[in-house]
């Protein structure tokens, strides 16, 4: 996994599990709105809603996106 420049030293994203925006934003070099737009276009992993106000992303899908953001396509997009 490539670590973005704004990620704290030693920061890692677990391979398994789910993460909220606050946990993944240090690895994503764009704004939350840009992520939302890419989600709608199928170019970023889709979020899952645990509750009405709690959204999470699959860590495995985030790792796939980090490995190849230009060619990533969300399943079912």
PDB file of N, CA and C in Angstrom:
ATOM      1  N   UNK A   1       0.840  -1.180   0.000  1.00  0.00           N
ATOM      2  CA  UNK A   1       0.000   0.000   0.000  1.00  0.00           C
ATOM      3  C   UNK A   1       0.883   1.241   0.000  1.00  0.00           C
ATOM      4  N   UNK A   2       0.616   2.145  -0.889  1.00  0.00           N
ATOM      5  CA  UNK A   2       1.349   3.401  -0.917  1.00  0.00           C
ATOM      6  C   UNK A   2       0.756   4.338   0.133  1.00  0.00           C
ATOM      7  N   UNK A   3       1.613   4.963   0.903  1.00  0.00           N
ATOM      8  CA  UNK A   3       1.141   5.897   1.917  1.00  0.00           C
ATOM      9  C   UNK A   3       1.240   7.298   1.344  1.00  0.00           C
ATOM     10  N   UNK A   4       0.169   8.040   1.452  1.00  0.00           N
ATOM     11  CA  UNK A   4       0.126   9.397   0.931  1.00  0.00           C
ATOM     12  C   UNK A   4       0.980  10.316   1.786  1.00  0.00           C
ATOM     13  N   UNK A   5       1.383  11.442   1.219  1.00  0.00           N
ATOM     14  CA  UNK A   5       2.247  12.385   1.909  1.00  0.00           C
ATOM     15  C   UNK A   5       1.627  12.937   3.180  1.00  0.00           C
ATOM     16  N   UNK A   6       0.299  13.076   3.227  1.00  0.00           N
ATOM     17  CA  UNK A   6      -0.348  13.651   4.394  1.00  0.00           C
ATOM     18  C   UNK A   6      -0.646  12.628   5.478  1.00  0.00           C
ATOM     19  N   UNK A   7      -0.294  11.365   5.261  1.00  0.00           N
ATOM     20  CA  UNK A   7      -0.506  10.320   6.265  1.00  0.00           C
ATOM     21  C   UNK A   7       0.576  10.430   7.335  1.00  0.00           C
ATOM     22  N   UNK A   8       0.197  10.266   8.606  1.00  0.00           N
ATOM     23  CA  UNK A   8       1.193  10.304   9.672  1.00  0.00           C
ATOM     24  C   UNK A   8       2.220   9.187   9.493  1.00  0.00           C
ATOM     25  N   UNK A   9       3.433   9.422   9.946  1.00  0.00           N
ATOM     26  CA  UNK A   9       4.497   8.417   9.853  1.00  0.00           C
ATOM     27  C   UNK A   9       4.040   7.164  10.582  1.00  0.00           C
ATOM     28  N   UNK A  10       4.184   6.029   9.928  1.00  0.00           N
ATOM     29  CA  UNK A  10       3.800   4.765  10.534  1.00  0.00           C
ATOM     30  C   UNK A  10       2.322   4.442  10.423  1.00  0.00           C
ATOM     31  N   UNK A  11       1.547   5.304   9.780  1.00  0.00           N
ATOM     32  CA  UNK A  11       0.107   5.065   9.647  1.00  0.00           C
ATOM     33  C   UNK A  11      -0.141   3.932   8.664  1.00  0.00           C
ATOM     34  N   UNK A  12      -0.998   3.024   9.048  1.00  0.00           N
ATOM     35  CA  UNK A  12      -1.377   1.927   8.164  1.00  0.00           C
ATOM     36  C   UNK A  12      -2.881   1.733   8.234  1.00  0.00           C
ATOM     37  N   UNK A  13      -3.422   1.201   7.185  1.00  0.00           N
ATOM     38  CA  UNK A  13      -4.835   0.882   7.118  1.00  0.00           C
ATOM     39  C   UNK A  13      -4.951  -0.634   7.162  1.00  0.00           C
ATOM     40  N   UNK A  14      -5.686  -1.185   8.131  1.00  0.00           N
ATOM     41  CA  UNK A  14      -5.825  -2.646   8.189  1.00  0.00           C
ATOM     42  C   UNK A  14      -6.360  -3.188   6.869  1.00  0.00           C
ATOM     43  N   UNK A  15      -5.965  -4.401   6.523  1.00  0.00           N
ATOM     44  CA  UNK A  15      -6.397  -5.018   5.275  1.00  0.00           C
ATOM     45  C   UNK A  15      -7.876  -5.400   5.360  1.00  0.00           C
ATOM     46  N   UNK A  16      -8.284  -5.934   6.489  1.00  0.00           N
ATOM     47  CA  UNK A  16      -9.673  -6.364   6.670  1.00  0.00           C
ATOM     48  C   UNK A  16     -10.447  -5.336   7.476  1.00  0.00           C
ATOM     49  N   UNK A  17     -11.756  -5.453   7.411  1.00  0.00           N
ATOM     50  CA  UNK A  17     -12.606  -4.621   8.242  1.00  0.00           C
ATOM     51  C   UNK A  17     -13.171  -3.430   7.502  1.00  0.00           C
ATOM     52  N   UNK A  18     -13.779  -2.562   8.274  1.00  0.00           N
ATOM     53  CA  UNK A  18     -14.425  -1.366   7.764  1.00  0.00           C
ATOM     54  C   UNK A  18     -13.836  -0.149   8.457  1.00  0.00           C
ATOM     55  N   UNK A  19     -13.779   0.969   7.741  1.00  0.00           N
ATOM     56  CA  UNK A  19     -13.243   2.197   8.316  1.00  0.00           C
ATOM     57  C   UNK A  19     -14.142   3.369   7.972  1.00  0.00           C
ATOM     58  N   UNK A  20     -14.216   4.323   8.887  1.00  0.00           N
ATOM     59  CA  UNK A  20     -14.964   5.554   8.661  1.00  0.00           C
ATOM     60  C   UNK A  20     -14.065   6.569   7.964  1.00  0.00           C
ATOM     61  N   UNK A  21     -14.657   7.669   7.518  1.00  0.00           N
ATOM     62  CA  UNK A  21     -13.929   8.694   6.775  1.00  0.00           C
ATOM     63  C   UNK A  21     -12.710   9.194   7.550  1.00  0.00           C
ATOM     64  N   UNK A  22     -12.852   9.449   8.832  1.00  0.00           N
ATOM     65  CA  UNK A  22     -11.743   9.963   9.633  1.00  0.00           C
ATOM     66  C   UNK A  22     -10.540   9.023   9.615  1.00  0.00           C
ATOM     67  N   UNK A  23     -10.776   7.737   9.445  1.00  0.00           N
ATOM     68  CA  UNK A  23      -9.696   6.770   9.435  1.00  0.00           C
ATOM     69  C   UNK A  23      -9.028   6.641   8.062  1.00  0.00           C
ATOM     70  N   UNK A  24      -9.783   6.868   6.991  1.00  0.00           N
ATOM     71  CA  UNK A  24      -9.201   6.679   5.655  1.00  0.00           C
ATOM     72  C   UNK A  24      -8.741   7.972   5.000  1.00  0.00           C
ATOM     73  N   UNK A  25      -9.194   9.119   5.482  1.00  0.00           N
ATOM     74  CA  UNK A  25      -8.889  10.368   4.774  1.00  0.00           C
ATOM     75  C   UNK A  25      -7.401  10.670   4.682  1.00  0.00           C
ATOM     76  N   UNK A  26      -6.601  10.164   5.618  1.00  0.00           N
ATOM     77  CA  UNK A  26      -5.156  10.421   5.543  1.00  0.00           C
ATOM     78  C   UNK A  26      -4.502   9.668   4.394  1.00  0.00           C
ATOM     79  N   UNK A  27      -5.183   8.658   3.843  1.00  0.00           N
ATOM     80  CA  UNK A  27      -4.650   7.875   2.730  1.00  0.00           C
ATOM     81  C   UNK A  27      -5.226   8.300   1.389  1.00  0.00           C
ATOM     82  N   UNK A  28      -6.226   9.178   1.402  1.00  0.00           N
ATOM     83  CA  UNK A  28      -6.949   9.580   0.202  1.00  0.00           C
ATOM     84  C   UNK A  28      -6.574  11.030  -0.132  1.00  0.00           C
ATOM     85  N   UNK A  29      -5.922  11.280  -1.265  1.00  0.00           N
ATOM     86  CA  UNK A  29      -5.448  12.634  -1.597  1.00  0.00           C
ATOM     87  C   UNK A  29      -6.502  13.517  -2.256  1.00  0.00           C
ATOM     88  N   UNK A  30      -7.730  13.502  -1.723  1.00  0.00           N
ATOM     89  CA  UNK A  30      -8.784  14.342  -2.292  1.00  0.00           C
ATOM     90  C   UNK A  30      -9.829  14.654  -1.226  1.00  0.00           C
ATOM     91  N   UNK A  31     -10.697  15.585  -1.549  1.00  0.00           N
ATOM     92  CA  UNK A  31     -11.730  15.989  -0.597  1.00  0.00           C
ATOM     93  C   UNK A  31     -12.845  14.953  -0.512  1.00  0.00           C
ATOM     94  N   UNK A  32     -13.652  15.095   0.522  1.00  0.00           N
ATOM     95  CA  UNK A  32     -14.783  14.178   0.716  1.00  0.00           C
ATOM     96  C   UNK A  32     -15.775  14.295  -0.442  1.00  0.00           C
ATOM     97  N   UNK A  33     -15.969  15.499  -0.956  1.00  0.00           N
ATOM     98  CA  UNK A  33     -16.889  15.698  -2.083  1.00  0.00           C
ATOM     99  C   UNK A  33     -16.353  15.033  -3.351  1.00  0.00           C
ATOM    100  N   UNK A  34     -15.060  15.107  -3.581  1.00  0.00           N
ATOM    101  CA  UNK A  34     -14.465  14.428  -4.739  1.00  0.00           C
ATOM    102  C   UNK A  34     -14.634  12.920  -4.627  1.00  0.00           C
ATOM    103  N   UNK A  35     -14.477  12.397  -3.411  1.00  0.00           N
ATOM    104  CA  UNK A  35     -14.691  10.965  -3.175  1.00  0.00           C
ATOM    105  C   UNK A  35     -16.138  10.611  -3.492  1.00  0.00           C
ATOM    106  N   UNK A  36     -17.079  11.427  -3.023  1.00  0.00           N
ATOM    107  CA  UNK A  36     -18.499  11.166  -3.271  1.00  0.00           C
ATOM    108  C   UNK A  36     -18.801  11.141  -4.767  1.00  0.00           C
ATOM    109  N   UNK A  37     -18.250  12.080  -5.504  1.00  0.00           N
ATOM    110  CA  UNK A  37     -18.475  12.127  -6.944  1.00  0.00           C
ATOM    111  C   UNK A  37     -17.885  10.908  -7.646  1.00  0.00           C
ATOM    112  N   UNK A  38     -16.717  10.480  -7.211  1.00  0.00           N
ATOM    113  CA  UNK A  38     -16.102   9.283  -7.800  1.00  0.00           C
ATOM    114  C   UNK A  38     -16.891   8.019  -7.430  1.00  0.00           C
ATOM    115  N   UNK A  39     -17.443   7.984  -6.226  1.00  0.00           N
ATOM    116  CA  UNK A  39     -18.300   6.854  -5.838  1.00  0.00           C
ATOM    117  C   UNK A  39     -19.492   6.740  -6.794  1.00  0.00           C
ATOM    118  N   UNK A  40     -20.123   7.860  -7.061  1.00  0.00           N
ATOM    119  CA  UNK A  40     -21.287   7.861  -7.948  1.00  0.00           C
ATOM    120  C   UNK A  40     -20.928   7.406  -9.360  1.00  0.00           C
ATOM    121  N   UNK A  41     -19.699   7.699  -9.778  1.00  0.00           N
ATOM    122  CA  UNK A  41     -19.236   7.314 -11.113  1.00  0.00           C
ATOM    123  C   UNK A  41     -18.659   5.892 -11.139  1.00  0.00           C
ATOM    124  N   UNK A  42     -18.571   5.236  -9.964  1.00  0.00           N
ATOM    125  CA  UNK A  42     -18.010   3.889  -9.896  1.00  0.00           C
ATOM    126  C   UNK A  42     -16.495   3.863  -9.922  1.00  0.00           C
ATOM    127  N   UNK A  43     -15.855   4.992  -9.626  1.00  0.00           N
ATOM    128  CA  UNK A  43     -14.389   5.102  -9.668  1.00  0.00           C
ATOM    129  C   UNK A  43     -13.755   5.113  -8.285  1.00  0.00           C
ATOM    130  N   UNK A  44     -14.538   4.853  -7.255  1.00  0.00           N
ATOM    131  CA  UNK A  44     -14.066   4.784  -5.869  1.00  0.00           C
ATOM    132  C   UNK A  44     -14.966   3.791  -5.146  1.00  0.00           C
ATOM    133  N   UNK A  45     -14.438   3.081  -4.150  1.00  0.00           N
ATOM    134  CA  UNK A  45     -15.273   2.107  -3.432  1.00  0.00           C
ATOM    135  C   UNK A  45     -16.541   2.746  -2.863  1.00  0.00           C
ATOM    136  N   UNK A  46     -17.633   2.020  -2.931  1.00  0.00           N
ATOM    137  CA  UNK A  46     -18.903   2.527  -2.416  1.00  0.00           C
ATOM    138  C   UNK A  46     -18.949   2.395  -0.901  1.00  0.00           C
ATOM    139  N   UNK A  47     -19.477   3.412  -0.278  1.00  0.00           N
ATOM    140  CA  UNK A  47     -19.645   3.381   1.173  1.00  0.00           C
ATOM    141  C   UNK A  47     -20.844   2.511   1.542  1.00  0.00           C
ATOM    142  N   UNK A  48     -20.829   2.023   2.748  1.00  0.00           N
ATOM    143  CA  UNK A  48     -21.943   1.259   3.302  1.00  0.00           C
ATOM    144  C   UNK A  48     -22.452   2.046   4.500  1.00  0.00           C
ATOM    145  N   UNK A  49     -23.752   2.090   4.677  1.00  0.00           N
ATOM    146  CA  UNK A  49     -24.319   2.796   5.821  1.00  0.00           C
ATOM    147  C   UNK A  49     -24.671   1.803   6.914  1.00  0.00           C
ATOM    148  N   UNK A  50     -24.031   1.963   8.066  1.00  0.00           N
ATOM    149  CA  UNK A  50     -24.360   1.126   9.213  1.00  0.00           C
ATOM    150  C   UNK A  50     -25.610   1.657   9.903  1.00  0.00           C
ATOM    151  N   UNK A  51     -25.728   2.975   9.942  1.00  0.00           N
ATOM    152  CA  UNK A  51     -26.920   3.661  10.442  1.00  0.00           C
ATOM    153  C   UNK A  51     -27.177   4.810   9.492  1.00  0.00           C
ATOM    154  N   UNK A  52     -28.184   5.600   9.772  1.00  0.00           N
ATOM    155  CA  UNK A  52     -28.510   6.738   8.905  1.00  0.00           C
ATOM    156  C   UNK A  52     -27.339   7.715   8.782  1.00  0.00           C
ATOM    157  N   UNK A  53     -26.554   7.861   9.860  1.00  0.00           N
ATOM    158  CA  UNK A  53     -25.471   8.841   9.865  1.00  0.00           C
ATOM    159  C   UNK A  53     -24.074   8.235   9.923  1.00  0.00           C
ATOM    160  N   UNK A  54     -23.954   6.930   9.897  1.00  0.00           N
ATOM    161  CA  UNK A  54     -22.642   6.282  10.019  1.00  0.00           C
ATOM    162  C   UNK A  54     -22.316   5.514   8.743  1.00  0.00           C
ATOM    163  N   UNK A  55     -21.379   6.072   7.963  1.00  0.00           N
ATOM    164  CA  UNK A  55     -20.958   5.428   6.711  1.00  0.00           C
ATOM    165  C   UNK A  55     -19.552   4.876   6.890  1.00  0.00           C
ATOM    166  N   UNK A  56     -19.308   3.715   6.272  1.00  0.00           N
ATOM    167  CA  UNK A  56     -17.998   3.061   6.333  1.00  0.00           C
ATOM    168  C   UNK A  56     -17.623   2.553   4.952  1.00  0.00           C
ATOM    169  N   UNK A  57     -16.322   2.330   4.755  1.00  0.00           N
ATOM    170  CA  UNK A  57     -15.804   1.766   3.511  1.00  0.00           C
ATOM    171  C   UNK A  57     -15.068   0.482   3.841  1.00  0.00           C
ATOM    172  N   UNK A  58     -15.078  -0.445   2.910  1.00  0.00           N
ATOM    173  CA  UNK A  58     -14.345  -1.693   3.055  1.00  0.00           C
ATOM    174  C   UNK A  58     -12.853  -1.409   2.914  1.00  0.00           C
ATOM    175  N   UNK A  59     -12.080  -1.826   3.895  1.00  0.00           N
ATOM    176  CA  UNK A  59     -10.626  -1.615   3.829  1.00  0.00           C
ATOM    177  C   UNK A  59     -10.016  -2.325   2.630  1.00  0.00           C
ATOM    178  N   UNK A  60     -10.510  -3.512   2.301  1.00  0.00           N
ATOM    179  CA  UNK A  60      -9.982  -4.246   1.127  1.00  0.00           C
ATOM    180  C   UNK A  60     -10.185  -3.430  -0.145  1.00  0.00           C
ATOM    181  N   UNK A  61     -11.355  -2.829  -0.299  1.00  0.00           N
ATOM    182  CA  UNK A  61     -11.622  -2.023  -1.497  1.00  0.00           C
ATOM    183  C   UNK A  61     -10.781  -0.753  -1.512  1.00  0.00           C
ATOM    184  N   UNK A  62     -10.571  -0.147  -0.359  1.00  0.00           N
ATOM    185  CA  UNK A  62      -9.712   1.046  -0.289  1.00  0.00           C
ATOM    186  C   UNK A  62      -8.286   0.680  -0.700  1.00  0.00           C
ATOM    187  N   UNK A  63      -7.803  -0.472  -0.253  1.00  0.00           N
ATOM    188  CA  UNK A  63      -6.464  -0.924  -0.654  1.00  0.00           C
ATOM    189  C   UNK A  63      -6.389  -1.142  -2.167  1.00  0.00           C
ATOM    190  N   UNK A  64      -7.437  -1.714  -2.755  1.00  0.00           N
ATOM    191  CA  UNK A  64      -7.465  -1.904  -4.217  1.00  0.00           C
ATOM    192  C   UNK A  64      -7.408  -0.555  -4.918  1.00  0.00           C
ATOM    193  N   UNK A  65      -8.162   0.424  -4.406  1.00  0.00           N
ATOM    194  CA  UNK A  65      -8.179   1.752  -5.013  1.00  0.00           C
ATOM    195  C   UNK A  65      -6.798   2.408  -4.888  1.00  0.00           C
ATOM    196  N   UNK A  66      -6.178   2.311  -3.712  1.00  0.00           N
ATOM    197  CA  UNK A  66      -4.857   2.915  -3.501  1.00  0.00           C
ATOM    198  C   UNK A  66      -3.831   2.302  -4.451  1.00  0.00           C
ATOM    199  N   UNK A  67      -3.929   1.004  -4.707  1.00  0.00           N
ATOM    200  CA  UNK A  67      -2.983   0.320  -5.586  1.00  0.00           C
ATOM    201  C   UNK A  67      -3.082   0.800  -7.032  1.00  0.00           C
ATOM    202  N   UNK A  68      -4.281   1.170  -7.485  1.00  0.00           N
ATOM    203  CA  UNK A  68      -4.456   1.596  -8.878  1.00  0.00           C
ATOM    204  C   UNK A  68      -5.668   2.520  -9.005  1.00  0.00           C
ATOM    205  N   UNK A  69      -5.560   3.766  -8.532  1.00  0.00           N
ATOM    206  CA  UNK A  69      -6.715   4.674  -8.550  1.00  0.00           C
ATOM    207  C   UNK A  69      -7.228   5.014  -9.960  1.00  0.00           C
ATOM    208  N   UNK A  70      -6.350   5.039 -10.951  1.00  0.00           N
ATOM    209  CA  UNK A  70      -6.769   5.391 -12.305  1.00  0.00           C
ATOM    210  C   UNK A  70      -7.645   4.323 -12.948  1.00  0.00           C
ATOM    211  N   UNK A  71      -7.379   3.074 -12.660  1.00  0.00           N
ATOM    212  CA  UNK A  71      -8.110   1.975 -13.300  1.00  0.00           C
ATOM    213  C   UNK A  71      -9.121   1.289 -12.386  1.00  0.00           C
ATOM    214  N   UNK A  72      -9.301   1.776 -11.162  1.00  0.00           N
ATOM    215  CA  UNK A  72     -10.227   1.141 -10.230  1.00  0.00           C
ATOM    216  C   UNK A  72     -11.670   1.290 -10.728  1.00  0.00           C
ATOM    217  N   UNK A  73     -12.407   0.215 -10.622  1.00  0.00           N
ATOM    218  CA  UNK A  73     -13.842   0.234 -10.928  1.00  0.00           C
ATOM    219  C   UNK A  73     -14.562  -0.519  -9.805  1.00  0.00           C
ATOM    220  N   UNK A  74     -15.549   0.115  -9.200  1.00  0.00           N
ATOM    221  CA  UNK A  74     -16.314  -0.507  -8.120  1.00  0.00           C
ATOM    222  C   UNK A  74     -17.161  -1.633  -8.701  1.00  0.00           C
ATOM    223  N   UNK A  75     -17.328  -2.692  -7.910  1.00  0.00           N
ATOM    224  CA  UNK A  75     -18.153  -3.798  -8.352  1.00  0.00           C
ATOM    225  C   UNK A  75     -19.589  -3.337  -8.534  1.00  0.00           C
ATOM    226  N   UNK A  76     -20.205  -3.782  -9.610  1.00  0.00           N
ATOM    227  CA  UNK A  76     -21.587  -3.410  -9.880  1.00  0.00           C
ATOM    228  C   UNK A  76     -21.753  -2.029 -10.495  1.00  0.00           C
ATOM    229  N   UNK A  77     -20.632  -1.368 -10.825  1.00  0.00           N
ATOM    230  CA  UNK A  77     -20.734  -0.017 -11.412  1.00  0.00           C
ATOM    231  C   UNK A  77     -20.855  -0.122 -12.920  1.00  0.00           C
TER     232      UNK A  77
END
